[in-house]
Protein backbone atom coordinates (compact mmCIF):
# COMPACT_ATOMS: atom_id res chain seq x y z
CA MET A 1 105.96 105.13 83.45
CA ILE A 2 102.47 105.96 84.67
CA THR A 3 101.31 104.53 87.97
CA PHE A 4 97.83 104.69 89.41
CA VAL A 5 97.56 105.24 93.16
CA CYS A 6 94.47 104.28 95.13
CA LYS A 7 93.34 107.26 97.17
CA TRP A 8 91.74 104.99 99.77
CA CYS A 9 94.57 102.60 100.62
CA GLY A 10 97.59 104.04 98.79
CA LYS A 11 98.30 100.96 96.68
CA GLU A 12 99.96 101.45 93.31
CA TRP A 13 99.18 99.85 89.95
CA ARG A 14 100.72 100.07 86.50
CA GLU A 15 97.64 98.68 84.77
CA LEU A 16 94.50 100.78 84.65
CA LEU A 17 92.16 97.79 84.46
CA ALA A 18 93.58 96.12 87.57
CA PHE A 19 93.46 99.46 89.38
CA GLU A 20 89.83 100.09 88.47
CA LEU A 21 88.92 96.52 89.41
CA HIS A 22 90.57 96.90 92.82
CA CYS A 23 88.74 100.12 93.64
CA THR A 24 85.41 98.75 92.46
CA ILE A 25 85.65 95.51 94.44
CA LEU A 26 87.55 96.54 97.58
CA HIS A 27 86.11 100.02 98.03
CA SER A 28 82.73 99.42 96.36
CA GLN A 29 83.10 102.42 94.07
CA SER A 30 84.81 103.33 90.84
CA TRP A 31 87.82 105.63 90.96
CA LEU A 32 86.24 107.45 88.02
CA ILE A 33 83.31 108.56 90.18
CA LYS A 34 84.03 111.21 92.78
CA ARG A 35 81.55 111.26 95.63
CA ARG A 36 81.26 113.97 98.27
């Protein structure tokens, strides 16, 4: 089973949509976009 781990807070999700939503709302950026 694939799990998605948030690189900012370490939380884990099994659903991509919920994971993306979390990162966008809580961390104000998409996990798909890597900023330096």
